Amino acid sequence: MKTNMISIGMCAFTLMACGTSKETVVDQEKADWGQLSFRETLQTQVVPMSEANLAIPITALQDLPPAAVFHQSSGQANVSVRLVHDTLFVESRCDSLMQ
């Protein structure tokens, strides 16, 4: 009977040792996963301002042919001005800054 108790005790310790070893492996995998992490840093990039200026004399607007357009560009900035009948259209754009 004593031998059976010792055998059962040894089996229990062996099973506990396997369980502990398995937990240790799981913990080690978690630790390894943490060491394999990566770091991503976002930095704001300063982009110089672009400005397009367009000066049009009033007399030039009065004498425009129907399809005439005034256009100015500087860096990423663009501006276009056109006269249609009695309405002045001003269109400005800035190109994408994605790099």
PDB file of N, CA and C in Angstrom:
ATOM      1  N   MET A   1       0.813  -1.188   0.000  1.00  0.00           N
ATOM      2  CA  MET A   1       0.000   0.000   0.000  1.00  0.00           C
ATOM      3  C   MET A   1       0.855   1.250   0.000  1.00  0.00           C
ATOM      4  N   LYS A   2       1.945   1.155   0.819  1.00  0.00           N
ATOM      5  CA  LYS A   2       2.862   2.275   0.873  1.00  0.00           C
ATOM      6  C   LYS A   2       3.501   2.502  -0.487  1.00  0.00           C
ATOM      7  N   THR A   3       3.826   1.414  -1.158  1.00  0.00           N
ATOM      8  CA  THR A   3       4.442   1.513  -2.476  1.00  0.00           C
ATOM      9  C   THR A   3       3.496   2.178  -3.457  1.00  0.00           C
ATOM     10  N   ASN A   4       2.207   1.844  -3.383  1.00  0.00           N
ATOM     11  CA  ASN A   4       1.223   2.476  -4.267  1.00  0.00           C
ATOM     12  C   ASN A   4       1.129   3.974  -4.001  1.00  0.00           C
ATOM     13  N   MET A   5       1.157   4.368  -2.712  1.00  0.00           N
ATOM     14  CA  MET A   5       1.089   5.787  -2.366  1.00  0.00           C
ATOM     15  C   MET A   5       2.309   6.528  -2.898  1.00  0.00           C
ATOM     16  N   ILE A   6       3.467   5.904  -2.781  1.00  0.00           N
ATOM     17  CA  ILE A   6       4.692   6.540  -3.285  1.00  0.00           C
ATOM     18  C   ILE A   6       4.617   6.648  -4.803  1.00  0.00           C
ATOM     19  N   SER A   7       4.139   5.600  -5.462  1.00  0.00           N
ATOM     20  CA  SER A   7       4.012   5.627  -6.924  1.00  0.00           C
ATOM     21  C   SER A   7       3.033   6.709  -7.360  1.00  0.00           C
ATOM     22  N   ILE A   8       1.885   6.811  -6.659  1.00  0.00           N
ATOM     23  CA  ILE A   8       0.903   7.843  -6.999  1.00  0.00           C
ATOM     24  C   ILE A   8       1.502   9.223  -6.753  1.00  0.00           C
ATOM     25  N   GLY A   9       2.221   9.359  -5.628  1.00  0.00           N
ATOM     26  CA  GLY A   9       2.876  10.641  -5.314  1.00  0.00           C
ATOM     27  C   GLY A   9       3.899  11.016  -6.382  1.00  0.00           C
ATOM     28  N   MET A  10       4.691  10.067  -6.829  1.00  0.00           N
ATOM     29  CA  MET A  10       5.703  10.328  -7.861  1.00  0.00           C
ATOM     30  C   MET A  10       5.038  10.713  -9.179  1.00  0.00           C
ATOM     31  N   CYS A  11       3.944  10.021  -9.514  1.00  0.00           N
ATOM     32  CA  CYS A  11       3.220  10.368 -10.748  1.00  0.00           C
ATOM     33  C   CYS A  11       2.651  11.776 -10.645  1.00  0.00           C
ATOM     34  N   ALA A  12       2.121  12.118  -9.468  1.00  0.00           N
ATOM     35  CA  ALA A  12       1.565  13.458  -9.279  1.00  0.00           C
ATOM     36  C   ALA A  12       2.659  14.511  -9.421  1.00  0.00           C
ATOM     37  N   PHE A  13       3.808  14.277  -8.814  1.00  0.00           N
ATOM     38  CA  PHE A  13       4.924  15.224  -8.941  1.00  0.00           C
ATOM     39  C   PHE A  13       5.399  15.328 -10.386  1.00  0.00           C
ATOM     40  N   THR A  14       5.429  14.208 -11.072  1.00  0.00           N
ATOM     41  CA  THR A  14       5.850  14.215 -12.477  1.00  0.00           C
ATOM     42  C   THR A  14       4.869  15.024 -13.315  1.00  0.00           C
ATOM     43  N   LEU A  15       3.570  14.806 -13.088  1.00  0.00           N
ATOM     44  CA  LEU A  15       2.567  15.566 -13.830  1.00  0.00           C
ATOM     45  C   LEU A  15       2.643  17.057 -13.494  1.00  0.00           C
ATOM     46  N   MET A  16       2.883  17.361 -12.213  1.00  0.00           N
ATOM     47  CA  MET A  16       3.018  18.761 -11.817  1.00  0.00           C
ATOM     48  C   MET A  16       4.250  19.376 -12.470  1.00  0.00           C
ATOM     49  N   ALA A  17       5.321  18.603 -12.560  1.00  0.00           N
ATOM     50  CA  ALA A  17       6.541  19.109 -13.177  1.00  0.00           C
ATOM     51  C   ALA A  17       6.294  19.405 -14.653  1.00  0.00           C
ATOM     52  N   CYS A  18       5.546  18.539 -15.336  1.00  0.00           N
ATOM     53  CA  CYS A  18       5.223  18.800 -16.739  1.00  0.00           C
ATOM     54  C   CYS A  18       4.377  20.058 -16.856  1.00  0.00           C
ATOM     55  N   GLY A  19       3.420  20.194 -15.945  1.00  0.00           N
ATOM     56  CA  GLY A  19       2.581  21.389 -15.970  1.00  0.00           C
ATOM     57  C   GLY A  19       3.401  22.642 -15.729  1.00  0.00           C
ATOM     58  N   THR A  20       4.305  22.615 -14.789  1.00  0.00           N
ATOM     59  CA  THR A  20       5.144  23.771 -14.487  1.00  0.00           C
ATOM     60  C   THR A  20       6.051  24.080 -15.663  1.00  0.00           C
ATOM     61  N   SER A  21       6.602  23.024 -16.235  1.00  0.00           N
ATOM     62  CA  SER A  21       7.479  23.214 -17.386  1.00  0.00           C
ATOM     63  C   SER A  21       6.709  23.836 -18.543  1.00  0.00           C
ATOM     64  N   LYS A  22       5.480  23.407 -18.735  1.00  0.00           N
ATOM     65  CA  LYS A  22       4.666  23.960 -19.813  1.00  0.00           C
ATOM     66  C   LYS A  22       4.370  25.432 -19.544  1.00  0.00           C
ATOM     67  N   GLU A  23       4.057  25.761 -18.298  1.00  0.00           N
ATOM     68  CA  GLU A  23       3.815  27.159 -17.950  1.00  0.00           C
ATOM     69  C   GLU A  23       5.067  27.994 -18.183  1.00  0.00           C
ATOM     70  N   THR A  24       6.204  27.431 -17.846  1.00  0.00           N
ATOM     71  CA  THR A  24       7.459  28.153 -18.048  1.00  0.00           C
ATOM     72  C   THR A  24       7.689  28.415 -19.527  1.00  0.00           C
ATOM     73  N   VAL A  25       7.408  27.428 -20.366  1.00  0.00           N
ATOM     74  CA  VAL A  25       7.571  27.604 -21.807  1.00  0.00           C
ATOM     75  C   VAL A  25       6.628  28.686 -22.319  1.00  0.00           C
ATOM     76  N   VAL A  26       5.387  28.665 -21.849  1.00  0.00           N
ATOM     77  CA  VAL A  26       4.423  29.684 -22.266  1.00  0.00           C
ATOM     78  C   VAL A  26       4.914  31.063 -21.845  1.00  0.00           C
ATOM     79  N   ASP A  27       5.397  31.179 -20.606  1.00  0.00           N
ATOM     80  CA  ASP A  27       5.931  32.457 -20.136  1.00  0.00           C
ATOM     81  C   ASP A  27       7.139  32.880 -20.972  1.00  0.00           C
ATOM     82  N   GLN A  28       7.978  31.934 -21.338  1.00  0.00           N
ATOM     83  CA  GLN A  28       9.162  32.242 -22.144  1.00  0.00           C
ATOM     84  C   GLN A  28       8.753  32.718 -23.531  1.00  0.00           C
ATOM     85  N   GLU A  29       7.734  32.079 -24.108  1.00  0.00           N
ATOM     86  CA  GLU A  29       7.254  32.515 -25.416  1.00  0.00           C
ATOM     87  C   GLU A  29       6.709  33.936 -25.336  1.00  0.00           C
ATOM     88  N   LYS A  30       6.004  34.240 -24.266  1.00  0.00           N
ATOM     89  CA  LYS A  30       5.494  35.593 -24.097  1.00  0.00           C
ATOM     90  C   LYS A  30       6.647  36.576 -23.977  1.00  0.00           C
ATOM     91  N   ALA A  31       7.679  36.188 -23.214  1.00  0.00           N
ATOM     92  CA  ALA A  31       8.841  37.069 -23.051  1.00  0.00           C
ATOM     93  C   ALA A  31       9.548  37.251 -24.390  1.00  0.00           C
ATOM     94  N   ASP A  32       9.690  36.157 -25.149  1.00  0.00           N
ATOM     95  CA  ASP A  32      10.329  36.268 -26.463  1.00  0.00           C
ATOM     96  C   ASP A  32       9.498  37.140 -27.388  1.00  0.00           C
ATOM     97  N   TRP A  33       8.189  37.002 -27.340  1.00  0.00           N
ATOM     98  CA  TRP A  33       7.320  37.817 -28.208  1.00  0.00           C
ATOM     99  C   TRP A  33       7.497  39.290 -27.862  1.00  0.00           C
ATOM    100  N   GLY A  34       7.605  39.585 -26.572  1.00  0.00           N
ATOM    101  CA  GLY A  34       7.808  40.972 -26.160  1.00  0.00           C
ATOM    102  C   GLY A  34       9.130  41.514 -26.672  1.00  0.00           C
ATOM    103  N   GLN A  35      10.134  40.668 -26.754  1.00  0.00           N
ATOM    104  CA  GLN A  35      11.437  41.100 -27.246  1.00  0.00           C
ATOM    105  C   GLN A  35      11.422  41.298 -28.756  1.00  0.00           C
ATOM    106  N   LEU A  36      10.483  40.669 -29.446  1.00  0.00           N
ATOM    107  CA  LEU A  36      10.406  40.796 -30.891  1.00  0.00           C
ATOM    108  C   LEU A  36       9.497  41.944 -31.324  1.00  0.00           C
ATOM    109  N   SER A  37       9.078  42.754 -30.378  1.00  0.00           N
ATOM    110  CA  SER A  37       8.187  43.862 -30.733  1.00  0.00           C
ATOM    111  C   SER A  37       8.946  44.906 -31.548  1.00  0.00           C
ATOM    112  N   PHE A  38       8.210  45.739 -32.272  1.00  0.00           N
ATOM    113  CA  PHE A  38       8.825  46.783 -33.073  1.00  0.00           C
ATOM    114  C   PHE A  38       8.326  48.128 -32.603  1.00  0.00           C
ATOM    115  N   ARG A  39       9.024  49.153 -33.025  1.00  0.00           N
ATOM    116  CA  ARG A  39       8.673  50.507 -32.604  1.00  0.00           C
ATOM    117  C   ARG A  39       8.493  51.363 -33.841  1.00  0.00           C
ATOM    118  N   GLU A  40       7.365  52.038 -33.908  1.00  0.00           N
ATOM    119  CA  GLU A  40       7.077  52.903 -35.048  1.00  0.00           C
ATOM    120  C   GLU A  40       6.994  54.336 -34.542  1.00  0.00           C
ATOM    121  N   THR A  41       7.762  55.203 -35.167  1.00  0.00           N
ATOM    122  CA  THR A  41       7.790  56.597 -34.743  1.00  0.00           C
ATOM    123  C   THR A  41       7.286  57.469 -35.871  1.00  0.00           C
ATOM    124  N   LEU A  42       6.315  58.300 -35.570  1.00  0.00           N
ATOM    125  CA  LEU A  42       5.806  59.254 -36.544  1.00  0.00           C
ATOM    126  C   LEU A  42       6.392  60.616 -36.219  1.00  0.00           C
ATOM    127  N   GLN A  43       6.985  61.235 -37.213  1.00  0.00           N
ATOM    128  CA  GLN A  43       7.564  62.551 -37.010  1.00  0.00           C
ATOM    129  C   GLN A  43       6.901  63.538 -37.947  1.00  0.00           C
ATOM    130  N   THR A  44       6.615  64.710 -37.431  1.00  0.00           N
ATOM    131  CA  THR A  44       6.037  65.758 -38.256  1.00  0.00           C
ATOM    132  C   THR A  44       7.146  66.357 -39.103  1.00  0.00           C
ATOM    133  N   GLN A  45       6.905  66.413 -40.384  1.00  0.00           N
ATOM    134  CA  GLN A  45       7.889  66.962 -41.296  1.00  0.00           C
ATOM    135  C   GLN A  45       7.495  68.391 -41.643  1.00  0.00           C
ATOM    136  N   VAL A  46       8.436  69.296 -41.507  1.00  0.00           N
ATOM    137  CA  VAL A  46       8.159  70.694 -41.818  1.00  0.00           C
ATOM    138  C   VAL A  46       8.290  70.892 -43.325  1.00  0.00           C
ATOM    139  N   VAL A  47       7.239  71.397 -43.938  1.00  0.00           N
ATOM    140  CA  VAL A  47       7.229  71.675 -45.376  1.00  0.00           C
ATOM    141  C   VAL A  47       7.119  73.185 -45.534  1.00  0.00           C
ATOM    142  N   PRO A  48       8.039  73.782 -46.292  1.00  0.00           N
ATOM    143  CA  PRO A  48       7.972  75.236 -46.442  1.00  0.00           C
ATOM    144  C   PRO A  48       6.681  75.671 -47.133  1.00  0.00           C
ATOM    145  N   MET A  49       6.187  76.830 -46.730  1.00  0.00           N
ATOM    146  CA  MET A  49       4.948  77.354 -47.293  1.00  0.00           C
ATOM    147  C   MET A  49       5.149  77.737 -48.761  1.00  0.00           C
ATOM    148  N   SER A  50       4.166  77.469 -49.577  1.00  0.00           N
ATOM    149  CA  SER A  50       4.157  77.912 -50.970  1.00  0.00           C
ATOM    150  C   SER A  50       3.067  78.955 -51.115  1.00  0.00           C
ATOM    151  N   GLU A  51       3.363  79.977 -51.871  1.00  0.00           N
ATOM    152  CA  GLU A  51       2.401  81.058 -52.052  1.00  0.00           C
ATOM    153  C   GLU A  51       2.469  81.529 -53.495  1.00  0.00           C
ATOM    154  N   ALA A  52       1.340  81.601 -54.154  1.00  0.00           N
ATOM    155  CA  ALA A  52       1.274  82.106 -55.526  1.00  0.00           C
ATOM    156  C   ALA A  52       0.485  83.410 -55.505  1.00  0.00           C
ATOM    157  N   ASN A  53       1.117  84.479 -55.930  1.00  0.00           N
ATOM    158  CA  ASN A  53       0.467  85.797 -55.975  1.00  0.00           C
ATOM    159  C   ASN A  53       0.229  86.185 -57.421  1.00  0.00           C
ATOM    160  N   LEU A  54      -0.908  86.775 -57.678  1.00  0.00           N
ATOM    161  CA  LEU A  54      -1.272  87.173 -59.034  1.00  0.00           C
ATOM    162  C   LEU A  54      -1.910  88.555 -58.970  1.00  0.00           C
ATOM    163  N   ALA A  55      -1.287  89.504 -59.632  1.00  0.00           N
ATOM    164  CA  ALA A  55      -1.825  90.876 -59.676  1.00  0.00           C
ATOM    165  C   ALA A  55      -2.320  91.145 -61.094  1.00  0.00           C
ATOM    166  N   ILE A  56      -3.594  91.506 -61.219  1.00  0.00           N
ATOM    167  CA  ILE A  56      -4.205  91.740 -62.532  1.00  0.00           C
ATOM    168  C   ILE A  56      -4.796  93.148 -62.543  1.00  0.00           C
ATOM    169  N   PRO A  57      -4.335  93.992 -63.452  1.00  0.00           N
ATOM    170  CA  PRO A  57      -4.945  95.324 -63.566  1.00  0.00           C
ATOM    171  C   PRO A  57      -6.396  95.218 -64.054  1.00  0.00           C
ATOM    172  N   ILE A  58      -7.256  96.067 -63.541  1.00  0.00           N
ATOM    173  CA  ILE A  58      -8.677  96.066 -63.922  1.00  0.00           C
ATOM    174  C   ILE A  58      -8.841  96.243 -65.427  1.00  0.00           C
ATOM    175  N   THR A  59      -8.012  97.056 -66.032  1.00  0.00           N
ATOM    176  CA  THR A  59      -8.120  97.274 -67.484  1.00  0.00           C
ATOM    177  C   THR A  59      -7.852  95.990 -68.251  1.00  0.00           C
ATOM    178  N   ALA A  60      -6.967  95.120 -67.725  1.00  0.00           N
ATOM    179  CA  ALA A  60      -6.678  93.847 -68.384  1.00  0.00           C
ATOM    180  C   ALA A  60      -7.898  92.929 -68.339  1.00  0.00           C
ATOM    181  N   LEU A  61      -8.669  92.993 -67.279  1.00  0.00           N
ATOM    182  CA  LEU A  61      -9.875  92.164 -67.176  1.00  0.00           C
ATOM    183  C   LEU A  61     -10.948  92.603 -68.171  1.00  0.00           C
ATOM    184  N   GLN A  62     -11.028  93.891 -68.414  1.00  0.00           N
ATOM    185  CA  GLN A  62     -12.058  94.413 -69.319  1.00  0.00           C
ATOM    186  C   GLN A  62     -11.793  94.023 -70.766  1.00  0.00           C
ATOM    187  N   ASP A  63     -10.533  93.857 -71.121  1.00  0.00           N
ATOM    188  CA  ASP A  63     -10.171  93.577 -72.513  1.00  0.00           C
ATOM    189  C   ASP A  63      -9.884  92.095 -72.785  1.00  0.00           C
ATOM    190  N   LEU A  64     -10.280  91.216 -71.896  1.00  0.00           N
ATOM    191  CA  LEU A  64      -9.978  89.785 -72.068  1.00  0.00           C
ATOM    192  C   LEU A  64     -10.817  89.148 -73.165  1.00  0.00           C
ATOM    193  N   PRO A  65     -10.183  88.287 -73.980  1.00  0.00           N
ATOM    194  CA  PRO A  65     -10.968  87.445 -74.883  1.00  0.00           C
ATOM    195  C   PRO A  65     -11.754  86.420 -74.044  1.00  0.00           C
ATOM    196  N   PRO A  66     -12.801  85.820 -74.583  1.00  0.00           N
ATOM    197  CA  PRO A  66     -13.680  84.918 -73.813  1.00  0.00           C
ATOM    198  C   PRO A  66     -12.973  83.747 -73.114  1.00  0.00           C
ATOM    199  N   ALA A  67     -11.935  83.164 -73.689  1.00  0.00           N
ATOM    200  CA  ALA A  67     -11.293  81.985 -73.086  1.00  0.00           C
ATOM    201  C   ALA A  67     -10.000  82.318 -72.349  1.00  0.00           C
ATOM    202  N   ALA A  68      -9.711  83.572 -72.122  1.00  0.00           N
ATOM    203  CA  ALA A  68      -8.446  83.964 -71.492  1.00  0.00           C
ATOM    204  C   ALA A  68      -8.430  83.608 -70.005  1.00  0.00           C
ATOM    205  N   VAL A  69      -7.240  83.194 -69.540  1.00  0.00           N
ATOM    206  CA  VAL A  69      -7.051  82.825 -68.133  1.00  0.00           C
ATOM    207  C   VAL A  69      -5.715  83.393 -67.672  1.00  0.00           C
ATOM    208  N   PHE A  70      -5.695  83.997 -66.505  1.00  0.00           N
ATOM    209  CA  PHE A  70      -4.446  84.393 -65.861  1.00  0.00           C
ATOM    210  C   PHE A  70      -4.056  83.255 -64.926  1.00  0.00           C
ATOM    211  N   HIS A  71      -2.776  82.869 -64.962  1.00  0.00           N
ATOM    212  CA  HIS A  71      -2.335  81.727 -64.163  1.00  0.00           C
ATOM    213  C   HIS A  71      -0.984  82.047 -63.525  1.00  0.00           C
ATOM    214  N   GLN A  72      -0.812  81.635 -62.269  1.00  0.00           N
ATOM    215  CA  GLN A  72       0.470  81.799 -61.574  1.00  0.00           C
ATOM    216  C   GLN A  72       0.732  80.561 -60.725  1.00  0.00           C
ATOM    217  N   SER A  73       1.992  80.083 -60.712  1.00  0.00           N
ATOM    218  CA  SER A  73       2.390  78.926 -59.896  1.00  0.00           C
ATOM    219  C   SER A  73       3.642  79.269 -59.109  1.00  0.00           C
ATOM    220  N   SER A  74       3.745  78.683 -57.929  1.00  0.00           N
ATOM    221  CA  SER A  74       4.946  78.824 -57.109  1.00  0.00           C
ATOM    222  C   SER A  74       4.992  77.640 -56.152  1.00  0.00           C
ATOM    223  N   GLY A  75       5.987  76.783 -56.284  1.00  0.00           N
ATOM    224  CA  GLY A  75       6.062  75.581 -55.445  1.00  0.00           C
ATOM    225  C   GLY A  75       4.854  74.705 -55.684  1.00  0.00           C
ATOM    226  N   GLN A  76       4.138  74.364 -54.610  1.00  0.00           N
ATOM    227  CA  GLN A  76       2.935  73.537 -54.745  1.00  0.00           C
ATOM    228  C   GLN A  76       1.682  74.369 -54.992  1.00  0.00           C
ATOM    229  N   ALA A  77       1.772  75.699 -54.877  1.00  0.00           N
ATOM    230  CA  ALA A  77       0.588  76.565 -54.984  1.00  0.00           C
ATOM    231  C   ALA A  77       0.359  77.010 -56.424  1.00  0.00           C
ATOM    232  N   ASN A  78      -0.904  77.012 -56.837  1.00  0.00           N
ATOM    233  CA  ASN A  78      -1.315  77.466 -58.170  1.00  0.00           C
ATOM    234  C   ASN A  78      -2.560  78.335 -58.026  1.00  0.00           C
ATOM    235  N   VAL A  79      -2.669  79.351 -58.852  1.00  0.00           N
ATOM    236  CA  VAL A  79      -3.878  80.168 -58.870  1.00  0.00           C
ATOM    237  C   VAL A  79      -4.218  80.503 -60.316  1.00  0.00           C
ATOM    238  N   SER A  80      -5.508  80.444 -60.649  1.00  0.00           N
ATOM    239  CA  SER A  80      -5.997  80.792 -61.987  1.00  0.00           C
ATOM    240  C   SER A  80      -7.167  81.760 -61.843  1.00  0.00           C
ATOM    241  N   VAL A  81      -7.214  82.756 -62.725  1.00  0.00           N
ATOM    242  CA  VAL A  81      -8.299  83.743 -62.715  1.00  0.00           C
ATOM    243  C   VAL A  81      -8.845  83.856 -64.127  1.00  0.00           C
ATOM    244  N   ARG A  82     -10.174  83.808 -64.254  1.00  0.00           N
ATOM    245  CA  ARG A  82     -10.805  83.978 -65.564  1.00  0.00           C
ATOM    246  C   ARG A  82     -12.101  84.763 -65.397  1.00  0.00           C
ATOM    247  N   LEU A  83     -12.481  85.431 -66.436  1.00  0.00           N
ATOM    248  CA  LEU A  83     -13.702  86.240 -66.434  1.00  0.00           C
ATOM    249  C   LEU A  83     -14.689  85.615 -67.408  1.00  0.00           C
ATOM    250  N   VAL A  84     -15.869  85.281 -66.918  1.00  0.00           N
ATOM    251  CA  VAL A  84     -16.924  84.721 -67.757  1.00  0.00           C
ATOM    252  C   VAL A  84     -18.121  85.659 -67.627  1.00  0.00           C
ATOM    253  N   HIS A  85     -18.430  86.339 -68.742  1.00  0.00           N
ATOM    254  CA  HIS A  85     -19.496  87.354 -68.789  1.00  0.00           C
ATOM    255  C   HIS A  85     -19.225  88.432 -67.738  1.00  0.00           C
ATOM    256  N   ASP A  86     -20.006  88.480 -66.697  1.00  0.00           N
ATOM    257  CA  ASP A  86     -19.806  89.509 -65.670  1.00  0.00           C
ATOM    258  C   ASP A  86     -19.326  88.916 -64.336  1.00  0.00           C
ATOM    259  N   THR A  87     -18.809  87.651 -64.371  1.00  0.00           N
ATOM    260  CA  THR A  87     -18.379  86.972 -63.144  1.00  0.00           C
ATOM    261  C   THR A  87     -16.893  86.641 -63.208  1.00  0.00           C
ATOM    262  N   LEU A  88     -16.179  86.953 -62.148  1.00  0.00           N
ATOM    263  CA  LEU A  88     -14.757  86.655 -62.030  1.00  0.00           C
ATOM    264  C   LEU A  88     -14.598  85.344 -61.253  1.00  0.00           C
ATOM    265  N   PHE A  89     -13.932  84.355 -61.864  1.00  0.00           N
ATOM    266  CA  PHE A  89     -13.687  83.063 -61.215  1.00  0.00           C
ATOM    267  C   PHE A  89     -12.224  82.993 -60.791  1.00  0.00           C
ATOM    268  N   VAL A  90     -11.992  82.711 -59.529  1.00  0.00           N
ATOM    269  CA  VAL A  90     -10.635  82.540 -58.994  1.00  0.00           C
ATOM    270  C   VAL A  90     -10.539  81.117 -58.465  1.00  0.00           C
ATOM    271  N   GLU A  91      -9.565  80.364 -58.970  1.00  0.00           N
ATOM    272  CA  GLU A  91      -9.373  78.974 -58.550  1.00  0.00           C
ATOM    273  C   GLU A  91      -7.954  78.830 -58.018  1.00  0.00           C
ATOM    274  N   SER A  92      -7.827  78.302 -56.819  1.00  0.00           N
ATOM    275  CA  SER A  92      -6.491  78.076 -56.248  1.00  0.00           C
ATOM    276  C   SER A  92      -6.377  76.621 -55.810  1.00  0.00           C
ATOM    277  N   ARG A  93      -5.163  76.089 -55.930  1.00  0.00           N
ATOM    278  CA  ARG A  93      -4.907  74.688 -55.572  1.00  0.00           C
ATOM    279  C   ARG A  93      -3.532  74.574 -54.939  1.00  0.00           C
ATOM    280  N   CYS A  94      -3.396  73.520 -54.170  1.00  0.00           N
ATOM    281  CA  CYS A  94      -2.094  73.183 -53.604  1.00  0.00           C
ATOM    282  C   CYS A  94      -1.880  71.695 -53.855  1.00  0.00           C
ATOM    283  N   ASP A  95      -0.767  71.348 -54.506  1.00  0.00           N
ATOM    284  CA  ASP A  95      -0.479  69.947 -54.805  1.00  0.00           C
ATOM    285  C   ASP A  95      -0.274  69.162 -53.514  1.00  0.00           C
ATOM    286  N   SER A  96      -0.435  67.855 -53.602  1.00  0.00           N
ATOM    287  CA  SER A  96      -0.270  66.979 -52.451  1.00  0.00           C
ATOM    288  C   SER A  96       1.147  67.077 -51.910  1.00  0.00           C
ATOM    289  N   LEU A  97       1.262  66.979 -50.594  1.00  0.00           N
ATOM    290  CA  LEU A  97       2.570  67.046 -49.953  1.00  0.00           C
ATOM    291  C   LEU A  97       3.078  65.668 -49.563  1.00  0.00           C
ATOM    292  N   MET A  98       2.386  64.597 -49.954  1.00  0.00           N
ATOM    293  CA  MET A  98       2.782  63.249 -49.591  1.00  0.00           C
ATOM    294  C   MET A  98       4.137  62.929 -50.199  1.00  0.00           C
ATOM    295  N   GLN A  99       4.980  62.278 -49.402  1.00  0.00           N
ATOM    296  CA  GLN A  99       6.316  61.925 -49.893  1.00  0.00           C
ATOM    297  C   GLN A  99       6.535  60.447 -49.766  1.00  0.00           C
TER     298      GLN A  99
END
